[in-house]
Structures are given as structure tokens and as C-alpha cells.
Amino acid sequence: MKGETEYSPAADHAAAKEVPQSLPRAPQDRHILEWVEACKGVGKTFSPFEFGGHVTEIGAAGLVALRLGRDIEWDGQAMEAKGEPAAAQMVEPQRRKGWGA
């Protein structure tokens, strides 16, 4: 459409053209399409949920520690910071009445 910025992937940069492609790419260089196709049962995502979920959990635990302002001992099996009751409300969202899971 006229007036819109055209999508230009980093791979089009002159310096990137010299680097050989060694990993598969998402359809049309858009990861959301890869995810949608995997949800439909067409192929799978480049990074499986088992990996991505674990990395997300590690990052989230780090954010909880930052918000508390101290180190925490994270128990991944229980999804809690051991001995940190203040962390529980950051890990398990508080939902308004009628919006519970």
C-alpha cells in the first residue's frame, strides 16, 4: 500500500549476503506464520515449545528476582520461588472475579 514502509528483512543487508544460510527460515521471514502453520498441523516450529517454554520460565524467574530486589531459589517443578511468599502473586496472576481459569 502506498505510504506504508516496505518490509525489509535484515538478510537483505549487504553484509548479511556474505554469510551462508545454515538454519531454516520461517515462512516469508515471519515467525508468526510459522507458529500459525504449526497450530494447524502443517509442519512444526523451528524452536519446539519444550525449549521455548523453559527459556521463558528462566527469564520470568529472573524478572521476579529483579522485582523483589534479591536473589531467589526457583523451583521449576512447583513453579515457585522457595521461601518467597511475595513472589507468588507475581507468578500466579490475580484475576478479577468472573475471569478465573
C-alpha atoms as a PDB file:
ATOM      1  CA  MET A   1       0.000   0.000   0.000  1.00  0.00           C
ATOM      2  CA  LYS A   2       1.195   3.470  -0.756  1.00  0.00           C
ATOM      3  CA  GLY A   3       2.640   5.332   2.225  1.00  0.00           C
ATOM      4  CA  GLU A   4       3.454   2.174   4.205  1.00  0.00           C
ATOM      5  CA  THR A   5       7.029   1.208   4.997  1.00  0.00           C
ATOM      6  CA  GLU A   6       8.023  -1.823   2.963  1.00  0.00           C
ATOM      7  CA  TYR A   7       9.178  -4.849   4.960  1.00  0.00           C
ATOM      8  CA  SER A   8      12.914  -5.303   4.527  1.00  0.00           C
ATOM      9  CA  PRO A   9      14.474  -8.280   6.345  1.00  0.00           C
ATOM     10  CA  ALA A  10      17.973  -7.968   7.770  1.00  0.00           C
ATOM     11  CA  ALA A  11      19.060 -10.660   5.307  1.00  0.00           C
ATOM     12  CA  ASP A  12      18.847  -8.032   2.579  1.00  0.00           C
ATOM     13  CA  HIS A  13      21.652  -6.020   4.187  1.00  0.00           C
ATOM     14  CA  ALA A  14      24.863  -6.113   2.112  1.00  0.00           C
ATOM     15  CA  ALA A  15      26.956  -7.513   4.993  1.00  0.00           C
ATOM     16  CA  ALA A  16      24.461 -10.345   5.567  1.00  0.00           C
ATOM     17  CA  LYS A  17      24.650 -11.554   1.960  1.00  0.00           C
ATOM     18  CA  GLU A  18      28.162 -12.923   2.586  1.00  0.00           C
ATOM     19  CA  VAL A  19      27.001 -15.153   5.475  1.00  0.00           C
ATOM     20  CA  PRO A  20      25.840 -18.597   4.296  1.00  0.00           C
ATOM     21  CA  GLN A  21      22.351 -19.638   5.420  1.00  0.00           C
ATOM     22  CA  SER A  22      22.700 -22.574   7.812  1.00  0.00           C
ATOM     23  CA  LEU A  23      19.335 -22.576   9.627  1.00  0.00           C
ATOM     24  CA  PRO A  24      15.824 -22.922   8.226  1.00  0.00           C
ATOM     25  CA  ARG A  25      13.775 -19.755   7.905  1.00  0.00           C
ATOM     26  CA  ALA A  26      10.185 -19.063   8.896  1.00  0.00           C
ATOM     27  CA  PRO A  27       7.722 -18.618   6.002  1.00  0.00           C
ATOM     28  CA  GLN A  28       8.181 -15.198   4.443  1.00  0.00           C
ATOM     29  CA  ASP A  29      10.674 -14.451   7.278  1.00  0.00           C
ATOM     30  CA  ARG A  30       7.736 -14.044   9.681  1.00  0.00           C
ATOM     31  CA  HIS A  31       7.787 -16.259  12.765  1.00  0.00           C
ATOM     32  CA  ILE A  32       4.079 -15.784  13.463  1.00  0.00           C
ATOM     33  CA  LEU A  33       3.223 -17.598  10.218  1.00  0.00           C
ATOM     34  CA  GLU A  34       5.457 -20.484  11.290  1.00  0.00           C
ATOM     35  CA  TRP A  35       3.539 -20.678  14.590  1.00  0.00           C
ATOM     36  CA  VAL A  36       0.105 -20.482  12.923  1.00  0.00           C
ATOM     37  CA  GLU A  37       1.030 -23.214  10.434  1.00  0.00           C
ATOM     38  CA  ALA A  38       2.266 -25.453  13.279  1.00  0.00           C
ATOM     39  CA  CYS A  39      -1.030 -24.880  15.131  1.00  0.00           C
ATOM     40  CA  LYS A  40      -2.860 -26.037  12.004  1.00  0.00           C
ATOM     41  CA  GLY A  41      -0.740 -29.196  11.940  1.00  0.00           C
ATOM     42  CA  VAL A  42       1.332 -28.100   8.956  1.00  0.00           C
ATOM     43  CA  GLY A  43       4.966 -28.596   9.920  1.00  0.00           C
ATOM     44  CA  LYS A  44       6.382 -27.556  13.259  1.00  0.00           C
ATOM     45  CA  THR A  45       8.054 -24.520  14.750  1.00  0.00           C
ATOM     46  CA  PHE A  46      11.805 -24.165  14.481  1.00  0.00           C
ATOM     47  CA  SER A  47      12.075 -23.889  18.269  1.00  0.00           C
ATOM     48  CA  PRO A  48       9.901 -26.509  19.998  1.00  0.00           C
ATOM     49  CA  PHE A  49       7.718 -25.448  22.916  1.00  0.00           C
ATOM     50  CA  GLU A  50       9.684 -27.671  25.288  1.00  0.00           C
ATOM     51  CA  PHE A  51      12.705 -25.438  24.687  1.00  0.00           C
ATOM     52  CA  GLY A  52      10.945 -22.095  24.331  1.00  0.00           C
ATOM     53  CA  GLY A  53       8.783 -22.688  27.409  1.00  0.00           C
ATOM     54  CA  HIS A  54      11.846 -23.441  29.531  1.00  0.00           C
ATOM     55  CA  VAL A  55      13.695 -20.347  28.320  1.00  0.00           C
ATOM     56  CA  THR A  56      10.617 -18.220  29.039  1.00  0.00           C
ATOM     57  CA  GLU A  57      10.378 -19.673  32.555  1.00  0.00           C
ATOM     58  CA  ILE A  58      14.036 -18.815  33.227  1.00  0.00           C
ATOM     59  CA  GLY A  59      13.505 -15.250  32.046  1.00  0.00           C
ATOM     60  CA  ALA A  60      10.316 -14.864  34.072  1.00  0.00           C
ATOM     61  CA  ALA A  61      12.076 -16.136  37.225  1.00  0.00           C
ATOM     62  CA  GLY A  62      14.787 -13.535  36.636  1.00  0.00           C
ATOM     63  CA  LEU A  63      12.155 -10.799  36.362  1.00  0.00           C
ATOM     64  CA  VAL A  64      10.572 -11.923  39.647  1.00  0.00           C
ATOM     65  CA  ALA A  65      14.001 -11.705  41.323  1.00  0.00           C
ATOM     66  CA  LEU A  66      14.518  -8.214  39.878  1.00  0.00           C
ATOM     67  CA  ARG A  67      11.128  -7.030  41.109  1.00  0.00           C
ATOM     68  CA  LEU A  68      11.856  -8.436  44.585  1.00  0.00           C
ATOM     69  CA  GLY A  69      15.311  -6.858  44.544  1.00  0.00           C
ATOM     70  CA  ARG A  70      17.103 -10.029  45.677  1.00  0.00           C
ATOM     71  CA  ASP A  71      18.221 -13.469  44.553  1.00  0.00           C
ATOM     72  CA  ILE A  72      15.623 -16.214  44.604  1.00  0.00           C
ATOM     73  CA  GLU A  73      15.783 -20.002  44.565  1.00  0.00           C
ATOM     74  CA  TRP A  74      13.475 -21.068  41.759  1.00  0.00           C
ATOM     75  CA  ASP A  75      11.678 -24.419  41.884  1.00  0.00           C
ATOM     76  CA  GLY A  76      10.631 -25.138  38.305  1.00  0.00           C
ATOM     77  CA  GLN A  77       8.600 -28.230  39.188  1.00  0.00           C
ATOM     78  CA  ALA A  78       6.449 -26.289  41.683  1.00  0.00           C
ATOM     79  CA  MET A  79       6.633 -23.036  39.653  1.00  0.00           C
ATOM     80  CA  GLU A  80       7.507 -21.018  42.745  1.00  0.00           C
ATOM     81  CA  ALA A  81      10.318 -19.126  44.406  1.00  0.00           C
ATOM     82  CA  LYS A  82      11.198 -21.127  47.524  1.00  0.00           C
ATOM     83  CA  GLY A  83      10.605 -19.195  50.741  1.00  0.00           C
ATOM     84  CA  GLU A  84       9.348 -16.084  48.927  1.00  0.00           C
ATOM     85  CA  PRO A  85       5.605 -15.636  49.532  1.00  0.00           C
ATOM     86  CA  ALA A  86       5.756 -12.176  47.928  1.00  0.00           C
ATOM     87  CA  ALA A  87       6.773 -13.823  44.654  1.00  0.00           C
ATOM     88  CA  ALA A  88       3.627 -15.968  44.480  1.00  0.00           C
ATOM     89  CA  GLN A  89       1.386 -13.104  43.355  1.00  0.00           C
ATOM     90  CA  MET A  90       3.876 -12.300  40.570  1.00  0.00           C
ATOM     91  CA  VAL A  91       3.920 -15.898  39.342  1.00  0.00           C
ATOM     92  CA  GLU A  92       0.216 -16.701  39.551  1.00  0.00           C
ATOM     93  CA  PRO A  93      -1.816 -13.802  38.161  1.00  0.00           C
ATOM     94  CA  GLN A  94      -4.605 -12.395  40.290  1.00  0.00           C
ATOM     95  CA  ARG A  95      -7.781 -12.409  38.231  1.00  0.00           C
ATOM     96  CA  ARG A  96     -10.886 -10.344  38.709  1.00  0.00           C
ATOM     97  CA  LYS A  97     -13.998 -12.170  39.857  1.00  0.00           C
ATOM     98  CA  GLY A  98     -15.585 -13.985  36.945  1.00  0.00           C
ATOM     99  CA  TRP A  99     -12.352 -14.164  34.920  1.00  0.00           C
ATOM    100  CA  GLY A 100     -10.767 -17.179  36.631  1.00  0.00           C
ATOM    101  CA  ALA A 101      -9.160 -20.024  34.761  1.00  0.00           C
END
